[in-house]
Amino acid sequence: MGVLTFFKQGLGVSILAELILHRTNYRLALRPTVPAVSRTIAAGYRDRNSLPIASKYFIDSLVKRAEELP
């Protein structure tokens, strides 16, 4: 069972990424945290040249859009 299923049953409270909340059709009460919570996004790899092309494009996209990410 996922955490949102527990919410649907009125059984839980949790802190979730905002992006997940925009993709659900559950009725949720959203509250900001005080102080605000932040997280670091990281991508780890041993050798960029051995990565699949899709992974290279994904990493490039993250780096380009880092300032736009919530």
PDB file of N, CA and C in Angstrom:
ATOM      1  N   MET A   1       0.837  -1.190   0.000  1.00  0.00           N
ATOM      2  CA  MET A   1       0.000   0.000   0.000  1.00  0.00           C
ATOM      3  C   MET A   1       0.871   1.238   0.000  1.00  0.00           C
ATOM      4  N   GLY A   2       0.537   2.197  -0.819  1.00  0.00           N
ATOM      5  CA  GLY A   2       1.274   3.446  -0.851  1.00  0.00           C
ATOM      6  C   GLY A   2       0.773   4.423   0.198  1.00  0.00           C
ATOM      7  N   VAL A   3       1.571   5.423   0.467  1.00  0.00           N
ATOM      8  CA  VAL A   3       1.233   6.394   1.507  1.00  0.00           C
ATOM      9  C   VAL A   3      -0.061   7.132   1.164  1.00  0.00           C
ATOM     10  N   LEU A   4      -0.322   7.390  -0.122  1.00  0.00           N
ATOM     11  CA  LEU A   4      -1.551   8.092  -0.489  1.00  0.00           C
ATOM     12  C   LEU A   4      -2.791   7.249  -0.202  1.00  0.00           C
ATOM     13  N   THR A   5      -2.661   5.936  -0.262  1.00  0.00           N
ATOM     14  CA  THR A   5      -3.775   5.049   0.081  1.00  0.00           C
ATOM     15  C   THR A   5      -4.118   5.190   1.563  1.00  0.00           C
ATOM     16  N   PHE A   6      -3.106   5.320   2.397  1.00  0.00           N
ATOM     17  CA  PHE A   6      -3.349   5.540   3.829  1.00  0.00           C
ATOM     18  C   PHE A   6      -4.077   6.865   4.047  1.00  0.00           C
ATOM     19  N   PHE A   7      -3.690   7.892   3.296  1.00  0.00           N
ATOM     20  CA  PHE A   7      -4.362   9.181   3.424  1.00  0.00           C
ATOM     21  C   PHE A   7      -5.836   9.052   3.063  1.00  0.00           C
ATOM     22  N   LYS A   8      -6.100   8.327   1.988  1.00  0.00           N
ATOM     23  CA  LYS A   8      -7.478   8.151   1.523  1.00  0.00           C
ATOM     24  C   LYS A   8      -8.341   7.522   2.620  1.00  0.00           C
ATOM     25  N   GLN A   9      -7.742   6.666   3.408  1.00  0.00           N
ATOM     26  CA  GLN A   9      -8.456   6.007   4.499  1.00  0.00           C
ATOM     27  C   GLN A   9      -8.457   6.842   5.785  1.00  0.00           C
ATOM     28  N   GLY A  10      -7.847   8.034   5.746  1.00  0.00           N
ATOM     29  CA  GLY A  10      -7.782   8.891   6.919  1.00  0.00           C
ATOM     30  C   GLY A  10      -6.809   8.391   7.970  1.00  0.00           C
ATOM     31  N   LEU A  11      -5.765   7.671   7.523  1.00  0.00           N
ATOM     32  CA  LEU A  11      -4.853   7.031   8.467  1.00  0.00           C
ATOM     33  C   LEU A  11      -3.460   7.638   8.537  1.00  0.00           C
ATOM     34  N   GLY A  12      -3.222   8.787   7.960  1.00  0.00           N
ATOM     35  CA  GLY A  12      -1.836   9.211   8.008  1.00  0.00           C
ATOM     36  C   GLY A  12      -1.576  10.674   7.751  1.00  0.00           C
ATOM     37  N   VAL A  13      -0.365  11.026   8.099  1.00  0.00           N
ATOM     38  CA  VAL A  13       0.203  12.344   7.857  1.00  0.00           C
ATOM     39  C   VAL A  13       1.602  12.089   7.350  1.00  0.00           C
ATOM     40  N   SER A  14       2.033  12.857   6.355  1.00  0.00           N
ATOM     41  CA  SER A  14       3.371  12.641   5.806  1.00  0.00           C
ATOM     42  C   SER A  14       3.879  13.913   5.152  1.00  0.00           C
ATOM     43  N   ILE A  15       5.163  13.909   4.872  1.00  0.00           N
ATOM     44  CA  ILE A  15       5.783  14.971   4.088  1.00  0.00           C
ATOM     45  C   ILE A  15       6.130  14.347   2.743  1.00  0.00           C
ATOM     46  N   LEU A  16       5.592  14.918   1.662  1.00  0.00           N
ATOM     47  CA  LEU A  16       5.810  14.410   0.311  1.00  0.00           C
ATOM     48  C   LEU A  16       6.344  15.514  -0.577  1.00  0.00           C
ATOM     49  N   ALA A  17       7.008  15.115  -1.644  1.00  0.00           N
ATOM     50  CA  ALA A  17       7.483  16.085  -2.629  1.00  0.00           C
ATOM     51  C   ALA A  17       6.286  16.752  -3.298  1.00  0.00           C
ATOM     52  N   GLU A  18       6.367  18.040  -3.497  1.00  0.00           N
ATOM     53  CA  GLU A  18       5.264  18.800  -4.087  1.00  0.00           C
ATOM     54  C   GLU A  18       4.888  18.274  -5.464  1.00  0.00           C
ATOM     55  N   LEU A  19       5.865  17.826  -6.241  1.00  0.00           N
ATOM     56  CA  LEU A  19       5.573  17.319  -7.578  1.00  0.00           C
ATOM     57  C   LEU A  19       4.628  16.120  -7.535  1.00  0.00           C
ATOM     58  N   ILE A  20       4.743  15.275  -6.538  1.00  0.00           N
ATOM     59  CA  ILE A  20       3.855  14.123  -6.407  1.00  0.00           C
ATOM     60  C   ILE A  20       2.426  14.588  -6.147  1.00  0.00           C
ATOM     61  N   LEU A  21       2.277  15.622  -5.343  1.00  0.00           N
ATOM     62  CA  LEU A  21       0.952  16.092  -4.970  1.00  0.00           C
ATOM     63  C   LEU A  21       0.179  16.663  -6.149  1.00  0.00           C
ATOM     64  N   HIS A  22       0.874  17.188  -7.137  1.00  0.00           N
ATOM     65  CA  HIS A  22       0.199  17.749  -8.312  1.00  0.00           C
ATOM     66  C   HIS A  22      -0.309  16.652  -9.246  1.00  0.00           C
ATOM     67  N   ARG A  23       0.160  15.429  -9.076  1.00  0.00           N
ATOM     68  CA  ARG A  23      -0.221  14.334  -9.977  1.00  0.00           C
ATOM     69  C   ARG A  23      -1.222  13.369  -9.345  1.00  0.00           C
ATOM     70  N   THR A  24      -1.874  13.768  -8.317  1.00  0.00           N
ATOM     71  CA  THR A  24      -2.827  12.884  -7.658  1.00  0.00           C
ATOM     72  C   THR A  24      -4.217  13.484  -7.713  1.00  0.00           C
ATOM     73  N   ASN A  25      -5.210  12.621  -7.691  1.00  0.00           N
ATOM     74  CA  ASN A  25      -6.577  13.131  -7.644  1.00  0.00           C
ATOM     75  C   ASN A  25      -7.201  12.882  -6.271  1.00  0.00           C
ATOM     76  N   TYR A  26      -6.366  12.606  -5.262  1.00  0.00           N
ATOM     77  CA  TYR A  26      -6.833  12.508  -3.888  1.00  0.00           C
ATOM     78  C   TYR A  26      -7.120  13.905  -3.363  1.00  0.00           C
ATOM     79  N   ARG A  27      -8.061  14.000  -2.458  1.00  0.00           N
ATOM     80  CA  ARG A  27      -8.331  15.279  -1.795  1.00  0.00           C
ATOM     81  C   ARG A  27      -7.424  15.354  -0.574  1.00  0.00           C
ATOM     82  N   LEU A  28      -6.457  16.245  -0.625  1.00  0.00           N
ATOM     83  CA  LEU A  28      -5.463  16.364   0.441  1.00  0.00           C
ATOM     84  C   LEU A  28      -5.492  17.769   1.026  1.00  0.00           C
ATOM     85  N   ALA A  29      -5.175  17.882   2.293  1.00  0.00           N
ATOM     86  CA  ALA A  29      -4.979  19.177   2.931  1.00  0.00           C
ATOM     87  C   ALA A  29      -3.477  19.448   2.922  1.00  0.00           C
ATOM     88  N   LEU A  30      -3.062  20.463   2.193  1.00  0.00           N
ATOM     89  CA  LEU A  30      -1.639  20.780   2.054  1.00  0.00           C
ATOM     90  C   LEU A  30      -1.266  21.893   3.022  1.00  0.00           C
ATOM     91  N   ARG A  31      -0.169  21.687   3.713  1.00  0.00           N
ATOM     92  CA  ARG A  31       0.318  22.678   4.668  1.00  0.00           C
ATOM     93  C   ARG A  31       1.811  22.859   4.450  1.00  0.00           C
ATOM     94  N   PRO A  32       2.288  24.096   4.456  1.00  0.00           N
ATOM     95  CA  PRO A  32       3.732  24.311   4.326  1.00  0.00           C
ATOM     96  C   PRO A  32       4.446  23.903   5.613  1.00  0.00           C
ATOM     97  N   THR A  33       5.707  23.567   5.484  1.00  0.00           N
ATOM     98  CA  THR A  33       6.513  23.300   6.671  1.00  0.00           C
ATOM     99  C   THR A  33       7.182  24.591   7.098  1.00  0.00           C
ATOM    100  N   VAL A  34       7.335  24.756   8.385  1.00  0.00           N
ATOM    101  CA  VAL A  34       8.008  25.938   8.921  1.00  0.00           C
ATOM    102  C   VAL A  34       9.075  25.448   9.881  1.00  0.00           C
ATOM    103  N   PRO A  35      10.332  25.663   9.555  1.00  0.00           N
ATOM    104  CA  PRO A  35      10.856  26.333   8.376  1.00  0.00           C
ATOM    105  C   PRO A  35      10.710  25.455   7.135  1.00  0.00           C
ATOM    106  N   ALA A  36      10.875  26.072   5.979  1.00  0.00           N
ATOM    107  CA  ALA A  36      10.748  25.357   4.711  1.00  0.00           C
ATOM    108  C   ALA A  36      11.776  24.222   4.629  1.00  0.00           C
ATOM    109  N   VAL A  37      11.386  23.144   3.970  1.00  0.00           N
ATOM    110  CA  VAL A  37      12.256  21.977   3.805  1.00  0.00           C
ATOM    111  C   VAL A  37      12.818  21.990   2.392  1.00  0.00           C
ATOM    112  N   SER A  38      14.090  21.703   2.272  1.00  0.00           N
ATOM    113  CA  SER A  38      14.691  21.606   0.934  1.00  0.00           C
ATOM    114  C   SER A  38      15.457  20.300   0.845  1.00  0.00           C
ATOM    115  N   ARG A  39      15.813  19.927  -0.371  1.00  0.00           N
ATOM    116  CA  ARG A  39      16.583  18.706  -0.562  1.00  0.00           C
ATOM    117  C   ARG A  39      17.559  18.902  -1.704  1.00  0.00           C
ATOM    118  N   THR A  40      18.561  18.082  -1.710  1.00  0.00           N
ATOM    119  CA  THR A  40      19.569  18.107  -2.762  1.00  0.00           C
ATOM    120  C   THR A  40      19.281  16.988  -3.749  1.00  0.00           C
ATOM    121  N   ILE A  41      19.311  17.310  -5.028  1.00  0.00           N
ATOM    122  CA  ILE A  41      19.156  16.303  -6.073  1.00  0.00           C
ATOM    123  C   ILE A  41      20.547  15.986  -6.593  1.00  0.00           C
ATOM    124  N   ALA A  42      20.867  14.716  -6.670  1.00  0.00           N
ATOM    125  CA  ALA A  42      22.188  14.314  -7.134  1.00  0.00           C
ATOM    126  C   ALA A  42      22.066  13.190  -8.151  1.00  0.00           C
ATOM    127  N   ALA A  43      22.983  13.148  -9.084  1.00  0.00           N
ATOM    128  CA  ALA A  43      23.080  12.048 -10.042  1.00  0.00           C
ATOM    129  C   ALA A  43      24.510  11.530  -9.953  1.00  0.00           C
ATOM    130  N   GLY A  44      24.641  10.262  -9.696  1.00  0.00           N
ATOM    131  CA  GLY A  44      25.977   9.683  -9.570  1.00  0.00           C
ATOM    132  C   GLY A  44      26.251   8.695 -10.693  1.00  0.00           C
ATOM    133  N   TYR A  45      27.437   8.729 -11.200  1.00  0.00           N
ATOM    134  CA  TYR A  45      27.853   7.782 -12.236  1.00  0.00           C
ATOM    135  C   TYR A  45      29.356   7.694 -12.211  1.00  0.00           C
ATOM    136  N   ARG A  46      29.856   6.562 -12.661  1.00  0.00           N
ATOM    137  CA  ARG A  46      31.294   6.326 -12.626  1.00  0.00           C
ATOM    138  C   ARG A  46      32.010   6.999 -13.800  1.00  0.00           C
ATOM    139  N   ASP A  47      31.489   6.777 -15.008  1.00  0.00           N
ATOM    140  CA  ASP A  47      32.148   7.290 -16.217  1.00  0.00           C
ATOM    141  C   ASP A  47      31.085   7.788 -17.187  1.00  0.00           C
ATOM    142  N   ARG A  48      31.050   9.074 -17.427  1.00  0.00           N
ATOM    143  CA  ARG A  48      30.028   9.649 -18.317  1.00  0.00           C
ATOM    144  C   ARG A  48      30.037   9.008 -19.694  1.00  0.00           C
ATOM    145  N   ASN A  49      31.193   8.664 -20.186  1.00  0.00           N
ATOM    146  CA  ASN A  49      31.273   8.084 -21.532  1.00  0.00           C
ATOM    147  C   ASN A  49      30.616   6.714 -21.631  1.00  0.00           C
ATOM    148  N   SER A  50      30.466   6.018 -20.526  1.00  0.00           N
ATOM    149  CA  SER A  50      29.840   4.697 -20.563  1.00  0.00           C
ATOM    150  C   SER A  50      28.330   4.751 -20.319  1.00  0.00           C
ATOM    151  N   LEU A  51      27.794   5.945 -20.056  1.00  0.00           N
ATOM    152  CA  LEU A  51      26.355   6.084 -19.825  1.00  0.00           C
ATOM    153  C   LEU A  51      25.574   5.939 -21.131  1.00  0.00           C
ATOM    154  N   PRO A  52      24.365   5.388 -21.065  1.00  0.00           N
ATOM    155  CA  PRO A  52      23.492   5.390 -22.245  1.00  0.00           C
ATOM    156  C   PRO A  52      23.187   6.833 -22.643  1.00  0.00           C
ATOM    157  N   ILE A  53      22.923   7.058 -23.908  1.00  0.00           N
ATOM    158  CA  ILE A  53      22.684   8.414 -24.413  1.00  0.00           C
ATOM    159  C   ILE A  53      21.509   9.081 -23.693  1.00  0.00           C
ATOM    160  N   ALA A  54      20.464   8.305 -23.371  1.00  0.00           N
ATOM    161  CA  ALA A  54      19.309   8.876 -22.660  1.00  0.00           C
ATOM    162  C   ALA A  54      19.722   9.407 -21.291  1.00  0.00           C
ATOM    163  N   SER A  55      20.616   8.707 -20.598  1.00  0.00           N
ATOM    164  CA  SER A  55      21.095   9.158 -19.296  1.00  0.00           C
ATOM    165  C   SER A  55      21.896  10.444 -19.428  1.00  0.00           C
ATOM    166  N   LYS A  56      22.708  10.534 -20.473  1.00  0.00           N
ATOM    167  CA  LYS A  56      23.487  11.759 -20.704  1.00  0.00           C
ATOM    168  C   LYS A  56      22.557  12.947 -20.931  1.00  0.00           C
ATOM    169  N   TYR A  57      21.513  12.746 -21.751  1.00  0.00           N
ATOM    170  CA  TYR A  57      20.558  13.827 -22.010  1.00  0.00           C
ATOM    171  C   TYR A  57      19.808  14.220 -20.734  1.00  0.00           C
ATOM    172  N   PHE A  58      19.453  13.225 -19.926  1.00  0.00           N
ATOM    173  CA  PHE A  58      18.743  13.504 -18.683  1.00  0.00           C
ATOM    174  C   PHE A  58      19.609  14.337 -17.741  1.00  0.00           C
ATOM    175  N   ILE A  59      20.856  13.954 -17.588  1.00  0.00           N
ATOM    176  CA  ILE A  59      21.772  14.703 -16.712  1.00  0.00           C
ATOM    177  C   ILE A  59      21.978  16.111 -17.245  1.00  0.00           C
ATOM    178  N   ASP A  60      22.175  16.248 -18.557  1.00  0.00           N
ATOM    179  CA  ASP A  60      22.326  17.575 -19.157  1.00  0.00           C
ATOM    180  C   ASP A  60      21.096  18.440 -18.900  1.00  0.00           C
ATOM    181  N   SER A  61      19.913  17.832 -19.008  1.00  0.00           N
ATOM    182  CA  SER A  61      18.670  18.564 -18.766  1.00  0.00           C
ATOM    183  C   SER A  61      18.570  19.024 -17.313  1.00  0.00           C
ATOM    184  N   LEU A  62      18.950  18.152 -16.380  1.00  0.00           N
ATOM    185  CA  LEU A  62      18.937  18.541 -14.964  1.00  0.00           C
ATOM    186  C   LEU A  62      19.865  19.703 -14.697  1.00  0.00           C
ATOM    187  N   VAL A  63      21.059  19.642 -15.263  1.00  0.00           N
ATOM    188  CA  VAL A  63      22.041  20.703 -15.038  1.00  0.00           C
ATOM    189  C   VAL A  63      21.546  22.018 -15.614  1.00  0.00           C
ATOM    190  N   LYS A  64      20.976  21.994 -16.830  1.00  0.00           N
ATOM    191  CA  LYS A  64      20.472  23.216 -17.466  1.00  0.00           C
ATOM    192  C   LYS A  64      19.316  23.835 -16.686  1.00  0.00           C
ATOM    193  N   ARG A  65      18.464  22.973 -16.110  1.00  0.00           N
ATOM    194  CA  ARG A  65      17.246  23.453 -15.470  1.00  0.00           C
ATOM    195  C   ARG A  65      17.336  23.491 -13.952  1.00  0.00           C
ATOM    196  N   ALA A  66      18.511  23.343 -13.405  1.00  0.00           N
ATOM    197  CA  ALA A  66      18.672  23.273 -11.944  1.00  0.00           C
ATOM    198  C   ALA A  66      18.053  24.468 -11.228  1.00  0.00           C
ATOM    199  N   GLU A  67      18.186  25.635 -11.775  1.00  0.00           N
ATOM    200  CA  GLU A  67      17.651  26.836 -11.128  1.00  0.00           C
ATOM    201  C   GLU A  67      16.128  26.885 -11.176  1.00  0.00           C
ATOM    202  N   GLU A  68      15.509  26.174 -12.144  1.00  0.00           N
ATOM    203  CA  GLU A  68      14.055  26.191 -12.286  1.00  0.00           C
ATOM    204  C   GLU A  68      13.377  25.159 -11.391  1.00  0.00           C
ATOM    205  N   LEU A  69      14.125  24.173 -10.925  1.00  0.00           N
ATOM    206  CA  LEU A  69      13.529  23.101 -10.132  1.00  0.00           C
ATOM    207  C   LEU A  69      13.096  23.624  -8.778  1.00  0.00           C
ATOM    208  N   PRO A  70      11.951  23.102  -8.269  1.00  0.00           N
ATOM    209  CA  PRO A  70      11.455  23.578  -6.961  1.00  0.00           C
ATOM    210  C   PRO A  70      12.363  23.165  -5.828  1.00  0.00           C
TER     211      PRO A  70
END
